[in-house]
Amino acid sequence: MLRTAVIGVGHLGRQHARIHANLTSEAFSKFIAVCDTNEATARAIADERETEWTTNWRDLIGKVDAVSLAVPTESHCELACGLLEAGIHVLVEKPISRTLEEADQMITSAAKSGAVLQVGHLERFNPAMIALRPHVRNPVYFEIHRVGEFTARSLDIDVVLDLMIHDLDIVQWLVGEEVEVTGIHAVGIEILTKKVDAANVRLEFSSGAVANITASRVGTEKIRKMRFFQPHDYIAIDYTTKRASISSLAPPAADGAWPGVRVRNLDIVDIEPLRVEIVSFLEAVHDGLPAPVSGTDGRNALRLALRALERINEHAMHPGVSELR
């Protein structure tokens, strides 16, 4: 069995630890240790999950085969490169890194060692998306809303890199990663922090597809919905409730009457997305297969997010906007 560890056991890392512990109880893998720079946190999670602990990630080299890396984004590159170069497979939380240069370093380290680098774009593993993906063909217009209540987590990055990057990744994936982004229009605003807390981005693709994406981390409710059109279909997905439907014209009636609209609610296998993501990572490692969400996929999403942030910053310099800052 693969020997695993979780590095960084804050809010999200604790969920990784829970799943790795469960996989151990199922004899799927062997959860060796948790690592966190806060000794009290490391001890507490290790006790809870009946595993070892350390405050130094380098202690894991030679003891584990694969890790979940859930530390702040600013540390992704240093830790991932060190682990990958030691031959340890890495599932790193999104965004892959702070900069494209750091992402390139991580991808290069994985290529040199042959270790798997997977990026945690979780919505690809949502049961609703898994059910929907085979039905997607040539989408032409997206309307996406992702709103969360304010928390003190992930304040080292803005809402585009924190929340919207999920949707930037999904849109690129559905439109086709070979399709070029030809236009980006974006606005954003600081509300409770010194970084962008709410933003709207409009993407235009060479295929003619258009995506309008809104993200906010200062809402009063949790909304994670995507709607899009493709030829003859209107598709709706709710990531939170894990539901997806396809509305399309019904076959013409025998009497020539207006056929109406047929709505299909897709059958969903309700499995926790994070568990599916981690299992897919470990299966890729075990079977010698490419990562389901590669380092290049993570880099592409980061590149689009950074381009959106450039447009937001340009808009913020407009005289009518800058006066409000």
C-alpha atoms as a PDB file:
ATOM      1  CA  MET A   1       0.000   0.000   0.000  1.00  0.00           C
ATOM      2  CA  LEU A   2       1.056   3.553  -0.660  1.00  0.00           C
ATOM      3  CA  ARG A   3       2.313   5.410   2.412  1.00  0.00           C
ATOM      4  CA  THR A   4       0.707   8.831   2.725  1.00  0.00           C
ATOM      5  CA  ALA A   5       0.916  12.042   4.733  1.00  0.00           C
ATOM      6  CA  VAL A   6      -0.823  15.412   4.933  1.00  0.00           C
ATOM      7  CA  ILE A   7       1.277  18.572   5.138  1.00  0.00           C
ATOM      8  CA  GLY A   8      -0.633  21.520   6.549  1.00  0.00           C
ATOM      9  CA  VAL A   9      -3.587  20.543   8.725  1.00  0.00           C
ATOM     10  CA  GLY A  10      -5.526  23.764   8.930  1.00  0.00           C
ATOM     11  CA  HIS A  11      -9.187  23.914   7.907  1.00  0.00           C
ATOM     12  CA  LEU A  12      -8.825  22.068   4.590  1.00  0.00           C
ATOM     13  CA  GLY A  13      -5.841  19.932   5.529  1.00  0.00           C
ATOM     14  CA  ARG A  14      -7.866  18.414   8.371  1.00  0.00           C
ATOM     15  CA  GLN A  15     -10.357  17.144   5.819  1.00  0.00           C
ATOM     16  CA  HIS A  16      -7.533  15.575   3.840  1.00  0.00           C
ATOM     17  CA  ALA A  17      -6.325  13.926   7.040  1.00  0.00           C
ATOM     18  CA  ARG A  18      -9.797  12.568   7.763  1.00  0.00           C
ATOM     19  CA  ILE A  19     -10.029  10.962   4.344  1.00  0.00           C
ATOM     20  CA  HIS A  20      -6.489   9.562   4.431  1.00  0.00           C
ATOM     21  CA  ALA A  21      -7.296   8.013   7.812  1.00  0.00           C
ATOM     22  CA  ASN A  22     -10.488   6.499   6.417  1.00  0.00           C
ATOM     23  CA  LEU A  23      -8.595   5.050   3.467  1.00  0.00           C
ATOM     24  CA  THR A  24      -6.204   3.433   5.923  1.00  0.00           C
ATOM     25  CA  SER A  25      -9.109   1.805   7.757  1.00  0.00           C
ATOM     26  CA  GLU A  26     -10.259   0.438   4.384  1.00  0.00           C
ATOM     27  CA  ALA A  27      -6.772  -0.970   3.666  1.00  0.00           C
ATOM     28  CA  PHE A  28      -6.523   1.257   0.586  1.00  0.00           C
ATOM     29  CA  SER A  29      -3.388   3.100   1.707  1.00  0.00           C
ATOM     30  CA  LYS A  30      -1.327   3.654   4.858  1.00  0.00           C
ATOM     31  CA  PHE A  31      -1.582   7.049   6.567  1.00  0.00           C
ATOM     32  CA  ILE A  32       1.869   7.625   8.097  1.00  0.00           C
ATOM     33  CA  ALA A  33       1.845  11.170   9.470  1.00  0.00           C
ATOM     34  CA  VAL A  34       0.571  14.713   9.555  1.00  0.00           C
ATOM     35  CA  CYS A  35       2.855  17.720   9.397  1.00  0.00           C
ATOM     36  CA  ASP A  36       2.197  21.268  10.544  1.00  0.00           C
ATOM     37  CA  THR A  37       4.461  24.074  11.711  1.00  0.00           C
ATOM     38  CA  ASN A  38       2.153  24.490  14.708  1.00  0.00           C
ATOM     39  CA  GLU A  39       3.138  21.644  17.022  1.00  0.00           C
ATOM     40  CA  ALA A  40      -0.092  21.742  19.018  1.00  0.00           C
ATOM     41  CA  THR A  41      -2.142  21.461  15.833  1.00  0.00           C
ATOM     42  CA  ALA A  42       0.014  18.645  14.488  1.00  0.00           C
ATOM     43  CA  ARG A  43      -0.255  16.718  17.768  1.00  0.00           C
ATOM     44  CA  ALA A  44      -4.028  17.195  18.010  1.00  0.00           C
ATOM     45  CA  ILE A  45      -4.780  16.006  14.463  1.00  0.00           C
ATOM     46  CA  ALA A  46      -2.323  13.110  14.781  1.00  0.00           C
ATOM     47  CA  ASP A  47      -4.042  11.967  17.968  1.00  0.00           C
ATOM     48  CA  GLU A  48      -7.462  12.336  16.378  1.00  0.00           C
ATOM     49  CA  ARG A  49      -6.469  10.310  13.306  1.00  0.00           C
ATOM     50  CA  GLU A  50      -4.219   7.825  15.125  1.00  0.00           C
ATOM     51  CA  THR A  51      -1.068   8.600  13.192  1.00  0.00           C
ATOM     52  CA  GLU A  52       2.354  10.204  13.718  1.00  0.00           C
ATOM     53  CA  TRP A  53       3.173  13.913  13.567  1.00  0.00           C
ATOM     54  CA  THR A  54       6.050  16.245  12.755  1.00  0.00           C
ATOM     55  CA  THR A  55       6.614  19.962  12.342  1.00  0.00           C
ATOM     56  CA  ASN A  56       9.241  19.547   9.601  1.00  0.00           C
ATOM     57  CA  TRP A  57       8.109  18.277   6.197  1.00  0.00           C
ATOM     58  CA  ARG A  58      11.629  17.079   5.418  1.00  0.00           C
ATOM     59  CA  ASP A  59      11.188  14.392   8.089  1.00  0.00           C
ATOM     60  CA  LEU A  60       8.744  12.684   5.714  1.00  0.00           C
ATOM     61  CA  ILE A  61      11.306  12.060   2.973  1.00  0.00           C
ATOM     62  CA  GLY A  62      11.998   8.357   2.735  1.00  0.00           C
ATOM     63  CA  LYS A  63       8.993   7.533   4.908  1.00  0.00           C
ATOM     64  CA  VAL A  64       6.081   8.294   2.576  1.00  0.00           C
ATOM     65  CA  ASP A  65       5.207   7.824  -1.086  1.00  0.00           C
ATOM     66  CA  ALA A  66       2.527  10.469  -1.585  1.00  0.00           C
ATOM     67  CA  VAL A  67       1.272  13.571   0.218  1.00  0.00           C
ATOM     68  CA  SER A  68      -1.588  16.036   0.278  1.00  0.00           C
ATOM     69  CA  LEU A  69      -0.087  19.528   0.428  1.00  0.00           C
ATOM     70  CA  ALA A  70      -2.486  22.021   2.043  1.00  0.00           C
ATOM     71  CA  VAL A  71      -0.197  24.816   3.185  1.00  0.00           C
ATOM     72  CA  PRO A  72      -0.536  28.538   2.286  1.00  0.00           C
ATOM     73  CA  THR A  73      -0.042  29.245  -1.424  1.00  0.00           C
ATOM     74  CA  GLU A  74       3.197  31.135  -0.790  1.00  0.00           C
ATOM     75  CA  SER A  75       4.810  27.857   0.359  1.00  0.00           C
ATOM     76  CA  HIS A  76       3.547  25.596  -2.423  1.00  0.00           C
ATOM     77  CA  CYS A  77       6.562  25.895  -4.698  1.00  0.00           C
ATOM     78  CA  GLU A  78       9.262  25.349  -2.088  1.00  0.00           C
ATOM     79  CA  LEU A  79       7.615  22.334  -0.485  1.00  0.00           C
ATOM     80  CA  ALA A  80       6.272  20.738  -3.655  1.00  0.00           C
ATOM     81  CA  CYS A  81       9.610  20.980  -5.462  1.00  0.00           C
ATOM     82  CA  GLY A  82      11.457  19.510  -2.489  1.00  0.00           C
ATOM     83  CA  LEU A  83       9.024  16.623  -2.234  1.00  0.00           C
ATOM     84  CA  LEU A  84       8.814  15.953  -5.960  1.00  0.00           C
ATOM     85  CA  GLU A  85      12.583  15.986  -6.365  1.00  0.00           C
ATOM     86  CA  ALA A  86      12.723  13.380  -3.589  1.00  0.00           C
ATOM     87  CA  GLY A  87      10.375  11.193  -5.634  1.00  0.00           C
ATOM     88  CA  ILE A  88       7.310  11.855  -3.474  1.00  0.00           C
ATOM     89  CA  HIS A  89       4.025  12.289  -5.340  1.00  0.00           C
ATOM     90  CA  VAL A  90       2.147  15.513  -4.517  1.00  0.00           C
ATOM     91  CA  LEU A  91      -1.504  16.531  -4.525  1.00  0.00           C
ATOM     92  CA  VAL A  92      -1.292  20.295  -4.036  1.00  0.00           C
ATOM     93  CA  GLU A  93      -4.290  22.452  -3.221  1.00  0.00           C
ATOM     94  CA  LYS A  94      -5.311  25.181  -5.662  1.00  0.00           C
ATOM     95  CA  PRO A  95      -4.040  27.579  -6.793  1.00  0.00           C
ATOM     96  CA  ILE A  96      -0.974  25.643  -7.871  1.00  0.00           C
ATOM     97  CA  SER A  97       1.302  28.537  -6.873  1.00  0.00           C
ATOM     98  CA  ARG A  98       1.589  32.320  -6.661  1.00  0.00           C
ATOM     99  CA  THR A  99       3.230  32.826 -10.050  1.00  0.00           C
ATOM    100  CA  LEU A 100       3.597  31.079 -13.388  1.00  0.00           C
ATOM    101  CA  GLU A 101       7.334  30.841 -12.776  1.00  0.00           C
ATOM    102  CA  GLU A 102       6.726  28.894  -9.573  1.00  0.00           C
ATOM    103  CA  ALA A 103       4.237  26.646 -11.361  1.00  0.00           C
ATOM    104  CA  ASP A 104       6.850  25.944 -14.035  1.00  0.00           C
ATOM    105  CA  GLN A 105       9.375  24.990 -11.363  1.00  0.00           C
ATOM    106  CA  MET A 106       6.909  22.522  -9.842  1.00  0.00           C
ATOM    107  CA  ILE A 107       6.047  20.997 -13.224  1.00  0.00           C
ATOM    108  CA  THR A 108       9.741  20.657 -14.070  1.00  0.00           C
ATOM    109  CA  SER A 109      10.516  19.011 -10.724  1.00  0.00           C
ATOM    110  CA  ALA A 110       7.762  16.447 -11.318  1.00  0.00           C
ATOM    111  CA  ALA A 111       8.960  15.734 -14.847  1.00  0.00           C
ATOM    112  CA  LYS A 112      12.562  15.208 -13.740  1.00  0.00           C
ATOM    113  CA  SER A 113      11.716  12.789 -10.948  1.00  0.00           C
ATOM    114  CA  GLY A 114       8.752  11.081 -12.595  1.00  0.00           C
ATOM    115  CA  ALA A 115       6.602  11.821  -9.551  1.00  0.00           C
ATOM    116  CA  VAL A 116       2.922  12.670 -10.024  1.00  0.00           C
ATOM    117  CA  LEU A 117       1.878  16.290  -9.495  1.00  0.00           C
ATOM    118  CA  GLN A 118      -1.889  16.782  -9.186  1.00  0.00           C
ATOM    119  CA  VAL A 119      -3.640  20.089  -8.512  1.00  0.00           C
ATOM    120  CA  GLY A 120      -6.706  20.244  -6.272  1.00  0.00           C
ATOM    121  CA  HIS A 121      -9.341  21.674  -8.588  1.00  0.00           C
ATOM    122  CA  LEU A 122     -12.077  20.012  -6.590  1.00  0.00           C
ATOM    123  CA  GLU A 123     -15.129  20.861  -8.704  1.00  0.00           C
ATOM    124  CA  ARG A 124     -13.995  18.472 -11.430  1.00  0.00           C
ATOM    125  CA  PHE A 125     -14.755  15.709  -8.927  1.00  0.00           C
ATOM    126  CA  ASN A 126     -18.167  16.979  -7.845  1.00  0.00           C
ATOM    127  CA  PRO A 127     -20.706  14.173  -8.510  1.00  0.00           C
ATOM    128  CA  ALA A 128     -22.903  16.571 -10.487  1.00  0.00           C
ATOM    129  CA  MET A 129     -19.992  17.485 -12.757  1.00  0.00           C
ATOM    130  CA  ILE A 130     -18.970  13.845 -13.161  1.00  0.00           C
ATOM    131  CA  ALA A 131     -22.516  13.019 -14.300  1.00  0.00           C
ATOM    132  CA  LEU A 132     -22.702  16.065 -16.577  1.00  0.00           C
ATOM    133  CA  ARG A 133     -19.315  15.963 -18.287  1.00  0.00           C
ATOM    134  CA  PRO A 134     -20.167  13.288 -20.927  1.00  0.00           C
ATOM    135  CA  HIS A 135     -23.112  15.406 -22.118  1.00  0.00           C
ATOM    136  CA  VAL A 136     -21.140  18.605 -22.765  1.00  0.00           C
ATOM    137  CA  ARG A 137     -20.577  19.541 -26.406  1.00  0.00           C
ATOM    138  CA  ASN A 138     -19.654  22.938 -27.778  1.00  0.00           C
ATOM    139  CA  PRO A 139     -20.937  25.211 -24.977  1.00  0.00           C
ATOM    140  CA  VAL A 140     -21.492  28.785 -26.142  1.00  0.00           C
ATOM    141  CA  TYR A 141     -22.533  30.858 -23.099  1.00  0.00           C
ATOM    142  CA  PHE A 142     -21.906  30.434 -19.361  1.00  0.00           C
ATOM    143  CA  GLU A 143     -23.415  32.281 -16.419  1.00  0.00           C
ATOM    144  CA  ILE A 144     -21.688  31.336 -13.158  1.00  0.00           C
ATOM    145  CA  HIS A 145     -22.114  32.510  -9.564  1.00  0.00           C
ATOM    146  CA  ARG A 146     -19.908  31.471  -6.654  1.00  0.00           C
ATOM    147  CA  VAL A 147     -20.642  33.258  -3.389  1.00  0.00           C
ATOM    148  CA  GLY A 148     -19.432  32.384   0.082  1.00  0.00           C
ATOM    149  CA  GLU A 149     -19.806  33.824   3.537  1.00  0.00           C
ATOM    150  CA  PHE A 150     -16.797  35.695   4.882  1.00  0.00           C
ATOM    151  CA  THR A 151     -14.275  33.695   6.896  1.00  0.00           C
ATOM    152  CA  ALA A 152     -10.764  34.417   8.097  1.00  0.00           C
ATOM    153  CA  ARG A 153      -9.319  31.695   5.858  1.00  0.00           C
ATOM    154  CA  SER A 154      -7.363  32.167   2.618  1.00  0.00           C
ATOM    155  CA  LEU A 155      -6.937  35.887   3.145  1.00  0.00           C
ATOM    156  CA  ASP A 156      -3.394  35.639   1.750  1.00  0.00           C
ATOM    157  CA  ILE A 157      -4.974  35.567  -1.725  1.00  0.00           C
ATOM    158  CA  ASP A 158      -7.847  37.438  -3.354  1.00  0.00           C
ATOM    159  CA  VAL A 159     -11.235  36.029  -4.341  1.00  0.00           C
ATOM    160  CA  VAL A 160     -10.140  35.289  -7.912  1.00  0.00           C
ATOM    161  CA  LEU A 161      -7.427  32.914  -6.725  1.00  0.00           C
ATOM    162  CA  ASP A 162      -9.447  31.734  -3.731  1.00  0.00           C
ATOM    163  CA  LEU A 163     -12.865  30.969  -5.259  1.00  0.00           C
ATOM    164  CA  MET A 164     -13.207  32.012  -8.890  1.00  0.00           C
ATOM    165  CA  ILE A 165     -10.252  29.892 -10.008  1.00  0.00           C
ATOM    166  CA  HIS A 166     -12.520  26.829  -9.647  1.00  0.00           C
ATOM    167  CA  ASP A 167     -14.816  28.201 -12.328  1.00  0.00           C
ATOM    168  CA  LEU A 168     -12.011  29.452 -14.549  1.00  0.00           C
ATOM    169  CA  ASP A 169     -10.665  25.895 -14.559  1.00  0.00           C
ATOM    170  CA  ILE A 170     -14.067  24.323 -15.263  1.00  0.00           C
ATOM    171  CA  VAL A 171     -14.880  26.704 -18.130  1.00  0.00           C
ATOM    172  CA  GLN A 172     -11.527  26.083 -19.830  1.00  0.00           C
ATOM    173  CA  TRP A 173     -12.008  22.329 -19.360  1.00  0.00           C
ATOM    174  CA  LEU A 174     -15.518  22.325 -20.859  1.00  0.00           C
ATOM    175  CA  VAL A 175     -14.809  24.710 -23.724  1.00  0.00           C
ATOM    176  CA  GLY A 176     -11.606  22.839 -24.565  1.00  0.00           C
ATOM    177  CA  GLU A 177      -8.167  23.606 -23.262  1.00  0.00           C
ATOM    178  CA  GLU A 178      -6.923  24.017 -26.842  1.00  0.00           C
ATOM    179  CA  VAL A 179      -9.403  26.882 -27.411  1.00  0.00           C
ATOM    180  CA  GLU A 180      -7.789  30.298 -27.032  1.00  0.00           C
ATOM    181  CA  VAL A 181      -9.064  33.006 -24.692  1.00  0.00           C
ATOM    182  CA  THR A 182      -9.319  36.069 -26.936  1.00  0.00           C
ATOM    183  CA  GLY A 183     -10.763  38.608 -24.516  1.00  0.00           C
ATOM    184  CA  ILE A 184     -11.003  39.270 -20.789  1.00  0.00           C
ATOM    185  CA  HIS A 185     -13.023  42.019 -19.123  1.00  0.00           C
ATOM    186  CA  ALA A 186     -12.985  42.193 -15.338  1.00  0.00           C
ATOM    187  CA  VAL A 187     -13.916  44.353 -12.369  1.00  0.00           C
ATOM    188  CA  GLY A 188     -13.329  43.764  -8.677  1.00  0.00           C
ATOM    189  CA  ILE A 189     -13.510  45.499  -5.332  1.00  0.00           C
ATOM    190  CA  GLU A 190     -11.961  45.358  -1.881  1.00  0.00           C
ATOM    191  CA  ILE A 191     -14.664  45.169   0.779  1.00  0.00           C
ATOM    192  CA  LEU A 192     -13.461  43.659   4.058  1.00  0.00           C
ATOM    193  CA  THR A 193      -9.800  43.005   3.265  1.00  0.00           C
ATOM    194  CA  LYS A 194      -6.944  44.669   1.409  1.00  0.00           C
ATOM    195  CA  LYS A 195      -7.418  42.220  -1.455  1.00  0.00           C
ATOM    196  CA  VAL A 196     -10.230  41.823  -3.989  1.00  0.00           C
ATOM    197  CA  ASP A 197     -13.222  40.286  -2.181  1.00  0.00           C
ATOM    198  CA  ALA A 198     -15.769  40.368  -5.015  1.00  0.00           C
ATOM    199  CA  ALA A 199     -15.197  40.211  -8.756  1.00  0.00           C
ATOM    200  CA  ASN A 200     -16.871  39.718 -12.109  1.00  0.00           C
ATOM    201  CA  VAL A 201     -14.989  38.378 -15.121  1.00  0.00           C
ATOM    202  CA  ARG A 202     -16.182  38.025 -18.717  1.00  0.00           C
ATOM    203  CA  LEU A 203     -14.200  35.638 -20.914  1.00  0.00           C
ATOM    204  CA  GLU A 204     -14.377  35.443 -24.700  1.00  0.00           C
ATOM    205  CA  PHE A 205     -13.020  32.399 -26.552  1.00  0.00           C
ATOM    206  CA  SER A 206     -11.861  31.854 -30.127  1.00  0.00           C
ATOM    207  CA  SER A 207     -14.658  29.278 -30.502  1.00  0.00           C
ATOM    208  CA  GLY A 208     -17.228  32.028 -29.937  1.00  0.00           C
ATOM    209  CA  ALA A 209     -18.013  30.892 -26.403  1.00  0.00           C
ATOM    210  CA  VAL A 210     -18.527  33.535 -23.719  1.00  0.00           C
ATOM    211  CA  ALA A 211     -18.425  33.084 -19.945  1.00  0.00           C
ATOM    212  CA  ASN A 212     -19.662  35.539 -17.342  1.00  0.00           C
ATOM    213  CA  ILE A 213     -18.344  34.626 -13.878  1.00  0.00           C
ATOM    214  CA  THR A 214     -19.116  36.300 -10.552  1.00  0.00           C
ATOM    215  CA  ALA A 215     -17.391  35.425  -7.286  1.00  0.00           C
ATOM    216  CA  SER A 216     -17.689  36.918  -3.810  1.00  0.00           C
ATOM    217  CA  ARG A 217     -16.485  35.878  -0.383  1.00  0.00           C
ATOM    218  CA  VAL A 218     -18.567  38.437   1.507  1.00  0.00           C
ATOM    219  CA  GLY A 219     -22.033  37.067   0.817  1.00  0.00           C
ATOM    220  CA  THR A 220     -24.777  36.150   3.259  1.00  0.00           C
ATOM    221  CA  GLU A 221     -25.382  32.714   1.760  1.00  0.00           C
ATOM    222  CA  LYS A 222     -23.477  29.995  -0.070  1.00  0.00           C
ATOM    223  CA  ILE A 223     -24.108  29.843  -3.825  1.00  0.00           C
ATOM    224  CA  ARG A 224     -22.187  27.664  -6.261  1.00  0.00           C
ATOM    225  CA  LYS A 225     -24.148  27.455  -9.492  1.00  0.00           C
ATOM    226  CA  MET A 226     -23.348  27.279 -13.187  1.00  0.00           C
ATOM    227  CA  ARG A 227     -25.734  27.555 -16.117  1.00  0.00           C
ATOM    228  CA  PHE A 228     -24.750  27.314 -19.750  1.00  0.00           C
ATOM    229  CA  PHE A 229     -26.148  26.893 -23.222  1.00  0.00           C
ATOM    230  CA  GLN A 230     -25.007  24.540 -25.939  1.00  0.00           C
ATOM    231  CA  PRO A 231     -26.795  23.738 -29.229  1.00  0.00           C
ATOM    232  CA  HIS A 232     -30.373  22.671 -28.349  1.00  0.00           C
ATOM    233  CA  ASP A 233     -29.632  22.444 -24.601  1.00  0.00           C
ATOM    234  CA  TYR A 234     -29.792  24.567 -21.466  1.00  0.00           C
ATOM    235  CA  ILE A 235     -27.750  23.049 -18.640  1.00  0.00           C
ATOM    236  CA  ALA A 236     -27.867  23.867 -14.929  1.00  0.00           C
ATOM    237  CA  ILE A 237     -25.583  22.570 -12.206  1.00  0.00           C
ATOM    238  CA  ASP A 238     -25.587  23.252  -8.476  1.00  0.00           C
ATOM    239  CA  TYR A 239     -22.302  22.205  -6.909  1.00  0.00           C
ATOM    240  CA  THR A 240     -23.629  22.606  -3.373  1.00  0.00           C
ATOM    241  CA  THR A 241     -26.666  20.342  -3.745  1.00  0.00           C
ATOM    242  CA  LYS A 242     -24.826  18.133  -6.271  1.00  0.00           C
ATOM    243  CA  ARG A 243     -27.581  18.354  -8.871  1.00  0.00           C
ATOM    244  CA  ALA A 244     -27.449  18.749 -12.637  1.00  0.00           C
ATOM    245  CA  SER A 245     -30.157  18.979 -15.283  1.00  0.00           C
ATOM    246  CA  ILE A 246     -30.384  19.299 -19.051  1.00  0.00           C
ATOM    247  CA  SER A 247     -33.347  21.085 -20.646  1.00  0.00           C
ATOM    248  CA  SER A 248     -33.896  20.556 -24.367  1.00  0.00           C
ATOM    249  CA  LEU A 249     -36.634  20.609 -26.987  1.00  0.00           C
ATOM    250  CA  ALA A 250     -38.755  17.479 -26.846  1.00  0.00           C
ATOM    251  CA  PRO A 251     -39.302  15.534 -30.120  1.00  0.00           C
ATOM    252  CA  PRO A 252     -42.007  17.099 -32.354  1.00  0.00           C
ATOM    253  CA  ALA A 253     -45.542  15.973 -31.575  1.00  0.00           C
ATOM    254  CA  ALA A 254     -47.405  13.835 -34.144  1.00  0.00           C
ATOM    255  CA  ASP A 255     -50.005  16.549 -34.654  1.00  0.00           C
ATOM    256  CA  GLY A 256     -47.350  19.161 -35.314  1.00  0.00           C
ATOM    257  CA  ALA A 257     -48.007  20.974 -32.067  1.00  0.00           C
ATOM    258  CA  TRP A 258     -45.227  22.880 -30.336  1.00  0.00           C
ATOM    259  CA  PRO A 259     -43.047  20.148 -28.835  1.00  0.00           C
ATOM    260  CA  GLY A 260     -42.272  21.890 -25.556  1.00  0.00           C
ATOM    261  CA  VAL A 261     -39.230  21.397 -23.354  1.00  0.00           C
ATOM    262  CA  ARG A 262     -37.969  18.167 -21.832  1.00  0.00           C
ATOM    263  CA  VAL A 263     -36.004  18.371 -18.581  1.00  0.00           C
ATOM    264  CA  ARG A 264     -33.663  15.560 -17.583  1.00  0.00           C
ATOM    265  CA  ASN A 265     -32.357  15.432 -14.041  1.00  0.00           C
ATOM    266  CA  LEU A 266     -29.115  13.488 -14.226  1.00  0.00           C
ATOM    267  CA  ASP A 267     -28.506  10.492 -12.014  1.00  0.00           C
ATOM    268  CA  ILE A 268     -25.916  11.367  -9.399  1.00  0.00           C
ATOM    269  CA  VAL A 269     -23.652   9.052  -7.425  1.00  0.00           C
ATOM    270  CA  ASP A 270     -23.341  11.067  -4.228  1.00  0.00           C
ATOM    271  CA  ILE A 271     -19.711  10.629  -3.184  1.00  0.00           C
ATOM    272  CA  GLU A 272     -17.704  13.299  -1.364  1.00  0.00           C
ATOM    273  CA  PRO A 273     -15.703  15.227  -4.016  1.00  0.00           C
ATOM    274  CA  LEU A 274     -12.554  15.456  -1.877  1.00  0.00           C
ATOM    275  CA  ARG A 275     -12.534  11.699  -1.365  1.00  0.00           C
ATOM    276  CA  VAL A 276     -12.910  11.138  -5.123  1.00  0.00           C
ATOM    277  CA  GLU A 277     -10.064  13.580  -5.766  1.00  0.00           C
ATOM    278  CA  ILE A 278      -7.695  11.915  -3.284  1.00  0.00           C
ATOM    279  CA  VAL A 279      -8.538   8.404  -4.468  1.00  0.00           C
ATOM    280  CA  SER A 280      -8.019   9.431  -8.108  1.00  0.00           C
ATOM    281  CA  PHE A 281      -4.614  10.837  -7.145  1.00  0.00           C
ATOM    282  CA  LEU A 282      -3.532   7.679  -5.331  1.00  0.00           C
ATOM    283  CA  GLU A 283      -4.838   5.468  -8.139  1.00  0.00           C
ATOM    284  CA  ALA A 284      -2.827   7.472 -10.678  1.00  0.00           C
ATOM    285  CA  VAL A 285       0.269   7.015  -8.518  1.00  0.00           C
ATOM    286  CA  HIS A 286      -0.354   3.297  -8.004  1.00  0.00           C
ATOM    287  CA  ASP A 287      -1.097   2.575 -11.661  1.00  0.00           C
ATOM    288  CA  GLY A 288       1.571   4.832 -13.143  1.00  0.00           C
ATOM    289  CA  LEU A 289      -1.000   7.018 -14.896  1.00  0.00           C
ATOM    290  CA  PRO A 290      -1.041  10.782 -15.511  1.00  0.00           C
ATOM    291  CA  ALA A 291      -2.668  12.959 -12.880  1.00  0.00           C
ATOM    292  CA  PRO A 292      -6.386  13.571 -13.554  1.00  0.00           C
ATOM    293  CA  VAL A 293      -5.706  17.295 -13.038  1.00  0.00           C
ATOM    294  CA  SER A 294      -2.109  17.879 -14.044  1.00  0.00           C
ATOM    295  CA  GLY A 295       0.344  20.579 -13.119  1.00  0.00           C
ATOM    296  CA  THR A 296      -0.229  22.047 -16.572  1.00  0.00           C
ATOM    297  CA  ASP A 297      -3.980  22.171 -15.906  1.00  0.00           C
ATOM    298  CA  GLY A 298      -3.272  24.026 -12.674  1.00  0.00           C
ATOM    299  CA  ARG A 299      -0.920  26.407 -14.470  1.00  0.00           C
ATOM    300  CA  ASN A 300      -3.534  27.151 -17.143  1.00  0.00           C
ATOM    301  CA  ALA A 301      -6.111  28.056 -14.502  1.00  0.00           C
ATOM    302  CA  LEU A 302      -3.571  30.228 -12.667  1.00  0.00           C
ATOM    303  CA  ARG A 303      -2.596  31.993 -15.892  1.00  0.00           C
ATOM    304  CA  LEU A 304      -6.217  32.863 -16.595  1.00  0.00           C
ATOM    305  CA  ALA A 305      -6.740  34.043 -12.999  1.00  0.00           C
ATOM    306  CA  LEU A 306      -3.677  36.287 -13.155  1.00  0.00           C
ATOM    307  CA  ARG A 307      -4.830  37.764 -16.469  1.00  0.00           C
ATOM    308  CA  ALA A 308      -8.202  38.506 -14.875  1.00  0.00           C
ATOM    309  CA  LEU A 309      -6.470  40.215 -11.966  1.00  0.00           C
ATOM    310  CA  GLU A 310      -4.513  42.377 -14.390  1.00  0.00           C
ATOM    311  CA  ARG A 311      -7.796  43.567 -15.908  1.00  0.00           C
ATOM    312  CA  ILE A 312      -9.239  44.213 -12.444  1.00  0.00           C
ATOM    313  CA  ASN A 313      -6.208  46.327 -11.533  1.00  0.00           C
ATOM    314  CA  GLU A 314      -6.468  48.241 -14.807  1.00  0.00           C
ATOM    315  CA  HIS A 315     -10.131  48.965 -14.147  1.00  0.00           C
ATOM    316  CA  ALA A 316      -9.315  50.108 -10.605  1.00  0.00           C
ATOM    317  CA  MET A 317      -7.103  52.860 -12.080  1.00  0.00           C
ATOM    318  CA  HIS A 318     -10.071  54.412 -13.901  1.00  0.00           C
ATOM    319  CA  PRO A 319     -10.580  57.901 -12.417  1.00  0.00           C
ATOM    320  CA  GLY A 320     -14.187  57.258 -11.521  1.00  0.00           C
ATOM    321  CA  VAL A 321     -13.254  54.062  -9.698  1.00  0.00           C
ATOM    322  CA  SER A 322      -9.981  55.064  -8.083  1.00  0.00           C
ATOM    323  CA  GLU A 323     -11.687  57.967  -6.325  1.00  0.00           C
ATOM    324  CA  LEU A 324     -13.785  55.444  -4.402  1.00  0.00           C
ATOM    325  CA  ARG A 325     -10.826  53.490  -3.079  1.00  0.00           C
END
